[in-house]
Amino acid sequence: MRNEGTLDRLMRVLLAEVFFIGAFFWFGGAISIVLYVFGGIMLFTAFTGFCALYKLFGINTFQKGKKI
């Protein structure tokens, strides 16, 4: 069951990229690990189209039948 729209998924991929770049180039130690984990979660939810927090709060940005 998908609950993320196309724009939402694109923003998650871009945010994950920022997290990965920040973890690799600018931060070290525990902060780096946290950024890698958040980036991985963002990528996973973007590729699956499902966010558990959206489900918990009743948010749905997915529009059926709309092709972009």
PDB file of N, CA and C in Angstrom:
ATOM      1  N   MET A   1       0.834  -1.173   0.000  1.00  0.00           N
ATOM      2  CA  MET A   1       0.000   0.000   0.000  1.00  0.00           C
ATOM      3  C   MET A   1       0.885   1.244   0.000  1.00  0.00           C
ATOM      4  N   ARG A   2       0.728   2.062  -1.003  1.00  0.00           N
ATOM      5  CA  ARG A   2       1.539   3.264  -1.126  1.00  0.00           C
ATOM      6  C   ARG A   2       0.830   4.449  -0.477  1.00  0.00           C
ATOM      7  N   ASN A   3       1.618   5.303   0.167  1.00  0.00           N
ATOM      8  CA  ASN A   3       1.040   6.505   0.742  1.00  0.00           C
ATOM      9  C   ASN A   3       1.925   7.730   0.489  1.00  0.00           C
ATOM     10  N   GLU A   4       2.821   7.634  -0.477  1.00  0.00           N
ATOM     11  CA  GLU A   4       3.695   8.746  -0.843  1.00  0.00           C
ATOM     12  C   GLU A   4       3.495   9.088  -2.310  1.00  0.00           C
ATOM     13  N   GLY A   5       3.341  10.366  -2.581  1.00  0.00           N
ATOM     14  CA  GLY A   5       3.204  10.834  -3.945  1.00  0.00           C
ATOM     15  C   GLY A   5       4.556  10.962  -4.630  1.00  0.00           C
ATOM     16  N   THR A   6       4.534  11.281  -5.908  1.00  0.00           N
ATOM     17  CA  THR A   6       5.757  11.377  -6.710  1.00  0.00           C
ATOM     18  C   THR A   6       6.680  12.476  -6.202  1.00  0.00           C
ATOM     19  N   LEU A   7       6.135  13.640  -5.931  1.00  0.00           N
ATOM     20  CA  LEU A   7       6.959  14.740  -5.438  1.00  0.00           C
ATOM     21  C   LEU A   7       7.551  14.415  -4.070  1.00  0.00           C
ATOM     22  N   ASP A   8       6.762  13.784  -3.219  1.00  0.00           N
ATOM     23  CA  ASP A   8       7.229  13.380  -1.899  1.00  0.00           C
ATOM     24  C   ASP A   8       8.400  12.405  -2.015  1.00  0.00           C
ATOM     25  N   ARG A   9       8.283  11.456  -2.920  1.00  0.00           N
ATOM     26  CA  ARG A   9       9.342  10.467  -3.112  1.00  0.00           C
ATOM     27  C   ARG A   9      10.613  11.105  -3.670  1.00  0.00           C
ATOM     28  N   LEU A  10      10.453  12.046  -4.599  1.00  0.00           N
ATOM     29  CA  LEU A  10      11.604  12.749  -5.151  1.00  0.00           C
ATOM     30  C   LEU A  10      12.325  13.544  -4.066  1.00  0.00           C
ATOM     31  N   MET A  11      11.580  14.217  -3.225  1.00  0.00           N
ATOM     32  CA  MET A  11      12.187  14.987  -2.139  1.00  0.00           C
ATOM     33  C   MET A  11      12.930  14.081  -1.156  1.00  0.00           C
ATOM     34  N   ARG A  12      12.414  12.896  -0.928  1.00  0.00           N
ATOM     35  CA  ARG A  12      13.093  11.953  -0.034  1.00  0.00           C
ATOM     36  C   ARG A  12      14.420  11.474  -0.633  1.00  0.00           C
ATOM     37  N   VAL A  13      14.449  11.252  -1.940  1.00  0.00           N
ATOM     38  CA  VAL A  13      15.705  10.847  -2.584  1.00  0.00           C
ATOM     39  C   VAL A  13      16.726  11.968  -2.496  1.00  0.00           C
ATOM     40  N   LEU A  14      16.305  13.197  -2.744  1.00  0.00           N
ATOM     41  CA  LEU A  14      17.221  14.329  -2.652  1.00  0.00           C
ATOM     42  C   LEU A  14      17.715  14.546  -1.223  1.00  0.00           C
ATOM     43  N   LEU A  15      16.833  14.405  -0.240  1.00  0.00           N
ATOM     44  CA  LEU A  15      17.235  14.550   1.152  1.00  0.00           C
ATOM     45  C   LEU A  15      18.204  13.440   1.559  1.00  0.00           C
ATOM     46  N   ALA A  16      17.968  12.229   1.080  1.00  0.00           N
ATOM     47  CA  ALA A  16      18.884  11.121   1.372  1.00  0.00           C
ATOM     48  C   ALA A  16      20.256  11.411   0.791  1.00  0.00           C
ATOM     49  N   GLU A  17      20.305  11.985  -0.405  1.00  0.00           N
ATOM     50  CA  GLU A  17      21.580  12.332  -1.017  1.00  0.00           C
ATOM     51  C   GLU A  17      22.318  13.369  -0.173  1.00  0.00           C
ATOM     52  N   VAL A  18      21.601  14.353   0.330  1.00  0.00           N
ATOM     53  CA  VAL A  18      22.214  15.370   1.203  1.00  0.00           C
ATOM     54  C   VAL A  18      22.749  14.714   2.477  1.00  0.00           C
ATOM     55  N   PHE A  19      21.996  13.796   3.055  1.00  0.00           N
ATOM     56  CA  PHE A  19      22.455  13.087   4.252  1.00  0.00           C
ATOM     57  C   PHE A  19      23.732  12.297   3.970  1.00  0.00           C
ATOM     58  N   PHE A  20      23.761  11.574   2.859  1.00  0.00           N
ATOM     59  CA  PHE A  20      24.942  10.773   2.528  1.00  0.00           C
ATOM     60  C   PHE A  20      26.167  11.646   2.269  1.00  0.00           C
ATOM     61  N   ILE A  21      25.986  12.721   1.537  1.00  0.00           N
ATOM     62  CA  ILE A  21      27.105  13.620   1.257  1.00  0.00           C
ATOM     63  C   ILE A  21      27.603  14.266   2.547  1.00  0.00           C
ATOM     64  N   GLY A  22      26.683  14.701   3.381  1.00  0.00           N
ATOM     65  CA  GLY A  22      27.070  15.296   4.658  1.00  0.00           C
ATOM     66  C   GLY A  22      27.814  14.314   5.543  1.00  0.00           C
ATOM     67  N   ALA A  23      27.347  13.078   5.589  1.00  0.00           N
ATOM     68  CA  ALA A  23      27.999  12.065   6.415  1.00  0.00           C
ATOM     69  C   ALA A  23      29.384  11.726   5.885  1.00  0.00           C
ATOM     70  N   PHE A  24      29.532  11.717   4.580  1.00  0.00           N
ATOM     71  CA  PHE A  24      30.810  11.313   3.989  1.00  0.00           C
ATOM     72  C   PHE A  24      31.862  12.422   4.050  1.00  0.00           C
ATOM     73  N   PHE A  25      31.448  13.662   3.767  1.00  0.00           N
ATOM     74  CA  PHE A  25      32.423  14.741   3.641  1.00  0.00           C
ATOM     75  C   PHE A  25      32.560  15.630   4.874  1.00  0.00           C
ATOM     76  N   TRP A  26      31.458  15.922   5.577  1.00  0.00           N
ATOM     77  CA  TRP A  26      31.518  16.959   6.594  1.00  0.00           C
ATOM     78  C   TRP A  26      31.508  16.462   8.025  1.00  0.00           C
ATOM     79  N   PHE A  27      30.899  15.341   8.295  1.00  0.00           N
ATOM     80  CA  PHE A  27      30.763  14.883   9.675  1.00  0.00           C
ATOM     81  C   PHE A  27      31.519  13.586   9.891  1.00  0.00           C
ATOM     82  N   GLY A  28      31.795  13.298  11.133  1.00  0.00           N
ATOM     83  CA  GLY A  28      32.474  12.055  11.483  1.00  0.00           C
ATOM     84  C   GLY A  28      31.866  11.472  12.744  1.00  0.00           C
ATOM     85  N   GLY A  29      32.291  10.281  13.073  1.00  0.00           N
ATOM     86  CA  GLY A  29      31.852   9.634  14.307  1.00  0.00           C
ATOM     87  C   GLY A  29      30.391   9.257  14.301  1.00  0.00           C
ATOM     88  N   ALA A  30      29.757   9.497  15.452  1.00  0.00           N
ATOM     89  CA  ALA A  30      28.365   9.084  15.652  1.00  0.00           C
ATOM     90  C   ALA A  30      27.406   9.864  14.753  1.00  0.00           C
ATOM     91  N   ILE A  31      27.685  11.133  14.522  1.00  0.00           N
ATOM     92  CA  ILE A  31      26.807  11.928  13.659  1.00  0.00           C
ATOM     93  C   ILE A  31      26.802  11.362  12.242  1.00  0.00           C
ATOM     94  N   SER A  32      27.936  10.929  11.787  1.00  0.00           N
ATOM     95  CA  SER A  32      28.041  10.334  10.460  1.00  0.00           C
ATOM     96  C   SER A  32      27.179   9.073  10.360  1.00  0.00           C
ATOM     97  N   ILE A  33      27.235   8.251  11.376  1.00  0.00           N
ATOM     98  CA  ILE A  33      26.445   7.014  11.383  1.00  0.00           C
ATOM     99  C   ILE A  33      24.953   7.329  11.377  1.00  0.00           C
ATOM    100  N   VAL A  34      24.551   8.308  12.176  1.00  0.00           N
ATOM    101  CA  VAL A  34      23.142   8.699  12.226  1.00  0.00           C
ATOM    102  C   VAL A  34      22.678   9.207  10.865  1.00  0.00           C
ATOM    103  N   LEU A  35      23.501  10.014  10.196  1.00  0.00           N
ATOM    104  CA  LEU A  35      23.127  10.524   8.883  1.00  0.00           C
ATOM    105  C   LEU A  35      23.028   9.402   7.858  1.00  0.00           C
ATOM    106  N   TYR A  36      23.929   8.428   7.918  1.00  0.00           N
ATOM    107  CA  TYR A  36      23.835   7.274   7.011  1.00  0.00           C
ATOM    108  C   TYR A  36      22.542   6.498   7.245  1.00  0.00           C
ATOM    109  N   VAL A  37      22.163   6.310   8.506  1.00  0.00           N
ATOM    110  CA  VAL A  37      20.936   5.576   8.826  1.00  0.00           C
ATOM    111  C   VAL A  37      19.712   6.340   8.319  1.00  0.00           C
ATOM    112  N   PHE A  38      19.652   7.657   8.598  1.00  0.00           N
ATOM    113  CA  PHE A  38      18.528   8.460   8.106  1.00  0.00           C
ATOM    114  C   PHE A  38      18.476   8.469   6.585  1.00  0.00           C
ATOM    115  N   GLY A  39      19.638   8.562   5.943  1.00  0.00           N
ATOM    116  CA  GLY A  39      19.672   8.518   4.483  1.00  0.00           C
ATOM    117  C   GLY A  39      19.161   7.194   3.948  1.00  0.00           C
ATOM    118  N   GLY A  40      19.538   6.104   4.594  1.00  0.00           N
ATOM    119  CA  GLY A  40      19.059   4.784   4.185  1.00  0.00           C
ATOM    120  C   GLY A  40      17.560   4.642   4.349  1.00  0.00           C
ATOM    121  N   ILE A  41      17.031   5.169   5.455  1.00  0.00           N
ATOM    122  CA  ILE A  41      15.587   5.117   5.684  1.00  0.00           C
ATOM    123  C   ILE A  41      14.856   5.939   4.624  1.00  0.00           C
ATOM    124  N   MET A  42      15.391   7.115   4.311  1.00  0.00           N
ATOM    125  CA  MET A  42      14.777   7.961   3.282  1.00  0.00           C
ATOM    126  C   MET A  42      14.757   7.258   1.922  1.00  0.00           C
ATOM    127  N   LEU A  43      15.861   6.627   1.561  1.00  0.00           N
ATOM    128  CA  LEU A  43      15.912   5.903   0.282  1.00  0.00           C
ATOM    129  C   LEU A  43      14.937   4.731   0.272  1.00  0.00           C
ATOM    130  N   PHE A  44      14.895   3.987   1.367  1.00  0.00           N
ATOM    131  CA  PHE A  44      14.001   2.830   1.442  1.00  0.00           C
ATOM    132  C   PHE A  44      12.542   3.253   1.281  1.00  0.00           C
ATOM    133  N   THR A  45      12.142   4.302   2.011  1.00  0.00           N
ATOM    134  CA  THR A  45      10.747   4.745   1.910  1.00  0.00           C
ATOM    135  C   THR A  45      10.449   5.346   0.539  1.00  0.00           C
ATOM    136  N   ALA A  46      11.442   5.996  -0.079  1.00  0.00           N
ATOM    137  CA  ALA A  46      11.227   6.563  -1.411  1.00  0.00           C
ATOM    138  C   ALA A  46      11.031   5.462  -2.453  1.00  0.00           C
ATOM    139  N   PHE A  47      11.805   4.397  -2.366  1.00  0.00           N
ATOM    140  CA  PHE A  47      11.700   3.323  -3.355  1.00  0.00           C
ATOM    141  C   PHE A  47      10.468   2.450  -3.146  1.00  0.00           C
ATOM    142  N   THR A  48      10.049   2.266  -1.891  1.00  0.00           N
ATOM    143  CA  THR A  48       8.867   1.445  -1.647  1.00  0.00           C
ATOM    144  C   THR A  48       7.573   2.239  -1.787  1.00  0.00           C
ATOM    145  N   GLY A  49       7.634   3.566  -1.576  1.00  0.00           N
ATOM    146  CA  GLY A  49       6.436   4.392  -1.663  1.00  0.00           C
ATOM    147  C   GLY A  49       5.577   4.325  -0.421  1.00  0.00           C
ATOM    148  N   PHE A  50       6.113   3.762   0.654  1.00  0.00           N
ATOM    149  CA  PHE A  50       5.358   3.613   1.894  1.00  0.00           C
ATOM    150  C   PHE A  50       6.153   4.182   3.056  1.00  0.00           C
ATOM    151  N   CYS A  51       5.508   5.005   3.867  1.00  0.00           N
ATOM    152  CA  CYS A  51       6.126   5.573   5.066  1.00  0.00           C
ATOM    153  C   CYS A  51       5.267   5.195   6.268  1.00  0.00           C
ATOM    154  N   ALA A  52       5.858   4.523   7.242  1.00  0.00           N
ATOM    155  CA  ALA A  52       5.123   4.079   8.422  1.00  0.00           C
ATOM    156  C   ALA A  52       4.639   5.268   9.256  1.00  0.00           C
ATOM    157  N   LEU A  53       5.413   6.344   9.315  1.00  0.00           N
ATOM    158  CA  LEU A  53       4.977   7.522  10.066  1.00  0.00           C
ATOM    159  C   LEU A  53       3.766   8.176   9.413  1.00  0.00           C
ATOM    160  N   TYR A  54       3.719   8.170   8.084  1.00  0.00           N
ATOM    161  CA  TYR A  54       2.540   8.684   7.384  1.00  0.00           C
ATOM    162  C   TYR A  54       1.317   7.844   7.759  1.00  0.00           C
ATOM    163  N   LYS A  55       1.478   6.548   7.813  1.00  0.00           N
ATOM    164  CA  LYS A  55       0.384   5.647   8.173  1.00  0.00           C
ATOM    165  C   LYS A  55      -0.089   5.933   9.601  1.00  0.00           C
ATOM    166  N   LEU A  56       0.868   6.140  10.502  1.00  0.00           N
ATOM    167  CA  LEU A  56       0.557   6.401  11.900  1.00  0.00           C
ATOM    168  C   LEU A  56      -0.247   7.685  12.067  1.00  0.00           C
ATOM    169  N   PHE A  57       0.113   8.726  11.321  1.00  0.00           N
ATOM    170  CA  PHE A  57      -0.555  10.019  11.432  1.00  0.00           C
ATOM    171  C   PHE A  57      -1.695  10.212  10.422  1.00  0.00           C
ATOM    172  N   GLY A  58      -1.943   9.212   9.581  1.00  0.00           N
ATOM    173  CA  GLY A  58      -3.048   9.282   8.630  1.00  0.00           C
ATOM    174  C   GLY A  58      -2.793  10.197   7.443  1.00  0.00           C
ATOM    175  N   ILE A  59      -1.533  10.363   7.059  1.00  0.00           N
ATOM    176  CA  ILE A  59      -1.171  11.219   5.932  1.00  0.00           C
ATOM    177  C   ILE A  59      -1.070  10.360   4.677  1.00  0.00           C
ATOM    178  N   ASN A  60      -1.589  10.881   3.568  1.00  0.00           N
ATOM    179  CA  ASN A  60      -1.501  10.165   2.301  1.00  0.00           C
ATOM    180  C   ASN A  60      -1.318  11.195   1.187  1.00  0.00           C
ATOM    181  N   THR A  61      -0.156  11.191   0.526  1.00  0.00           N
ATOM    182  CA  THR A  61       0.100  12.112  -0.579  1.00  0.00           C
ATOM    183  C   THR A  61       0.020  11.408  -1.923  1.00  0.00           C
ATOM    184  N   PHE A  62      -0.287  10.136  -1.935  1.00  0.00           N
ATOM    185  CA  PHE A  62      -0.380   9.353  -3.168  1.00  0.00           C
ATOM    186  C   PHE A  62      -1.734   9.574  -3.820  1.00  0.00           C
ATOM    187  N   GLN A  63      -1.726   9.864  -5.120  1.00  0.00           N
ATOM    188  CA  GLN A  63      -2.967  10.056  -5.851  1.00  0.00           C
ATOM    189  C   GLN A  63      -3.096   8.957  -6.900  1.00  0.00           C
ATOM    190  N   LYS A  64      -4.079   8.103  -6.747  1.00  0.00           N
ATOM    191  CA  LYS A  64      -4.289   7.021  -7.693  1.00  0.00           C
ATOM    192  C   LYS A  64      -4.728   7.562  -9.036  1.00  0.00           C
ATOM    193  N   GLY A  65      -4.211   6.970 -10.085  1.00  0.00           N
ATOM    194  CA  GLY A  65      -4.619   7.314 -11.439  1.00  0.00           C
ATOM    195  C   GLY A  65      -3.920   8.522 -12.033  1.00  0.00           C
ATOM    196  N   LYS A  66      -3.161   9.239 -11.248  1.00  0.00           N
ATOM    197  CA  LYS A  66      -2.466  10.413 -11.759  1.00  0.00           C
ATOM    198  C   LYS A  66      -1.088   9.982 -12.272  1.00  0.00           C
ATOM    199  N   LYS A  67      -0.829  10.259 -13.538  1.00  0.00           N
ATOM    200  CA  LYS A  67       0.448   9.870 -14.148  1.00  0.00           C
ATOM    201  C   LYS A  67       1.322  11.094 -14.305  1.00  0.00           C
ATOM    202  N   ILE A  68       2.535  10.983 -13.814  1.00  0.00           N
ATOM    203  CA  ILE A  68       3.498  12.078 -13.943  1.00  0.00           C
ATOM    204  C   ILE A  68       4.758  11.547 -14.581  1.00  0.00           C
TER     205      ILE A  68
END
